[in-house]
């Protein structure tokens, strides 16, 4: 998974990301616990349960991560 910051959101994508219109993405509030973890440690710094949840959202077309 890749990630980047877009405004007040951390955006998580699959490795084959093309653009926001064509690729599934997960939006996470930048100031949330998960957003802060990703910004400091990357996606791999998240708890395993959060990673599974994000992967499931990506596999179903993308969306918003709400813990």
C-alpha atoms as a PDB file:
ATOM      1  CA  UNK A   1       0.000   0.000   0.000  1.00  0.00           C
ATOM      2  CA  UNK A   2       1.039   3.581  -0.683  1.00  0.00           C
ATOM      3  CA  UNK A   3      -0.039   6.727   1.111  1.00  0.00           C
ATOM      4  CA  UNK A   4       0.088  10.485   0.705  1.00  0.00           C
ATOM      5  CA  UNK A   5      -1.426  13.564   2.319  1.00  0.00           C
ATOM      6  CA  UNK A   6      -4.155  15.469   0.474  1.00  0.00           C
ATOM      7  CA  UNK A   7      -5.389  18.490   2.416  1.00  0.00           C
ATOM      8  CA  UNK A   8      -6.665  17.320   5.807  1.00  0.00           C
ATOM      9  CA  UNK A   9      -6.721  13.648   4.776  1.00  0.00           C
ATOM     10  CA  UNK A  10      -4.208  10.834   4.581  1.00  0.00           C
ATOM     11  CA  UNK A  11      -4.953   8.866   1.429  1.00  0.00           C
ATOM     12  CA  UNK A  12      -4.083   5.165   1.281  1.00  0.00           C
ATOM     13  CA  UNK A  13      -4.001   3.382  -2.077  1.00  0.00           C
ATOM     14  CA  UNK A  14      -2.967   0.091  -3.584  1.00  0.00           C
ATOM     15  CA  UNK A  15       0.513  -0.146  -5.078  1.00  0.00           C
ATOM     16  CA  UNK A  16      -0.894   0.121  -8.624  1.00  0.00           C
ATOM     17  CA  UNK A  17      -2.424   3.569  -7.956  1.00  0.00           C
ATOM     18  CA  UNK A  18      -3.114   5.584 -11.144  1.00  0.00           C
ATOM     19  CA  UNK A  19      -5.112   8.610  -9.954  1.00  0.00           C
ATOM     20  CA  UNK A  20      -7.941   9.516  -7.551  1.00  0.00           C
ATOM     21  CA  UNK A  21     -10.619   9.073 -10.219  1.00  0.00           C
ATOM     22  CA  UNK A  22      -9.573   5.603 -11.416  1.00  0.00           C
ATOM     23  CA  UNK A  23      -8.032   3.890  -8.383  1.00  0.00           C
ATOM     24  CA  UNK A  24      -9.637   2.772  -5.118  1.00  0.00           C
ATOM     25  CA  UNK A  25      -8.542   4.946  -2.210  1.00  0.00           C
ATOM     26  CA  UNK A  26      -9.157   5.139   1.509  1.00  0.00           C
ATOM     27  CA  UNK A  27      -9.395   8.556   3.138  1.00  0.00           C
ATOM     28  CA  UNK A  28      -8.335   8.879   6.778  1.00  0.00           C
ATOM     29  CA  UNK A  29      -8.481  12.114   8.770  1.00  0.00           C
ATOM     30  CA  UNK A  30      -4.949  13.448   9.092  1.00  0.00           C
ATOM     31  CA  UNK A  31      -5.466  14.331  12.757  1.00  0.00           C
ATOM     32  CA  UNK A  32      -6.924  10.921  13.703  1.00  0.00           C
ATOM     33  CA  UNK A  33      -4.875   8.320  15.592  1.00  0.00           C
ATOM     34  CA  UNK A  34      -4.481   6.242  12.421  1.00  0.00           C
ATOM     35  CA  UNK A  35      -3.605   9.298  10.318  1.00  0.00           C
ATOM     36  CA  UNK A  36      -0.896  10.309  12.770  1.00  0.00           C
ATOM     37  CA  UNK A  37       0.546   6.771  12.837  1.00  0.00           C
ATOM     38  CA  UNK A  38       0.722   6.624   9.042  1.00  0.00           C
ATOM     39  CA  UNK A  39       2.439  10.015   8.856  1.00  0.00           C
ATOM     40  CA  UNK A  40       5.104   9.026  11.376  1.00  0.00           C
ATOM     41  CA  UNK A  41       5.577   5.268  10.734  1.00  0.00           C
ATOM     42  CA  UNK A  42       3.906   4.553   7.407  1.00  0.00           C
ATOM     43  CA  UNK A  43       1.041   2.170   6.786  1.00  0.00           C
ATOM     44  CA  UNK A  44       2.978  -0.724   8.341  1.00  0.00           C
ATOM     45  CA  UNK A  45       2.892   1.096  11.676  1.00  0.00           C
ATOM     46  CA  UNK A  46      -0.868   0.559  11.971  1.00  0.00           C
ATOM     47  CA  UNK A  47      -2.341  -2.227  14.091  1.00  0.00           C
ATOM     48  CA  UNK A  48      -3.057  -5.357  12.040  1.00  0.00           C
ATOM     49  CA  UNK A  49      -6.828  -4.963  12.478  1.00  0.00           C
ATOM     50  CA  UNK A  50      -6.694  -1.466  10.942  1.00  0.00           C
ATOM     51  CA  UNK A  51      -4.623  -2.782   8.024  1.00  0.00           C
ATOM     52  CA  UNK A  52      -7.202  -5.490   7.353  1.00  0.00           C
ATOM     53  CA  UNK A  53     -10.020  -2.942   7.496  1.00  0.00           C
ATOM     54  CA  UNK A  54      -8.209  -0.633   5.055  1.00  0.00           C
ATOM     55  CA  UNK A  55      -7.482  -3.545   2.705  1.00  0.00           C
ATOM     56  CA  UNK A  56     -11.155  -4.532   2.777  1.00  0.00           C
ATOM     57  CA  UNK A  57     -12.216  -0.965   1.931  1.00  0.00           C
ATOM     58  CA  UNK A  58      -9.729  -0.871  -0.965  1.00  0.00           C
ATOM     59  CA  UNK A  59     -10.913  -4.250  -2.237  1.00  0.00           C
ATOM     60  CA  UNK A  60     -14.488  -2.948  -2.333  1.00  0.00           C
ATOM     61  CA  UNK A  61     -13.768   0.206  -4.357  1.00  0.00           C
ATOM     62  CA  UNK A  62     -12.462   2.578  -1.670  1.00  0.00           C
ATOM     63  CA  UNK A  63     -14.069   4.855   0.868  1.00  0.00           C
ATOM     64  CA  UNK A  64     -13.590   6.551   4.206  1.00  0.00           C
ATOM     65  CA  UNK A  65     -11.920   4.910   7.187  1.00  0.00           C
ATOM     66  CA  UNK A  66     -14.080   5.463  10.254  1.00  0.00           C
ATOM     67  CA  UNK A  67     -12.672   3.715  13.332  1.00  0.00           C
END
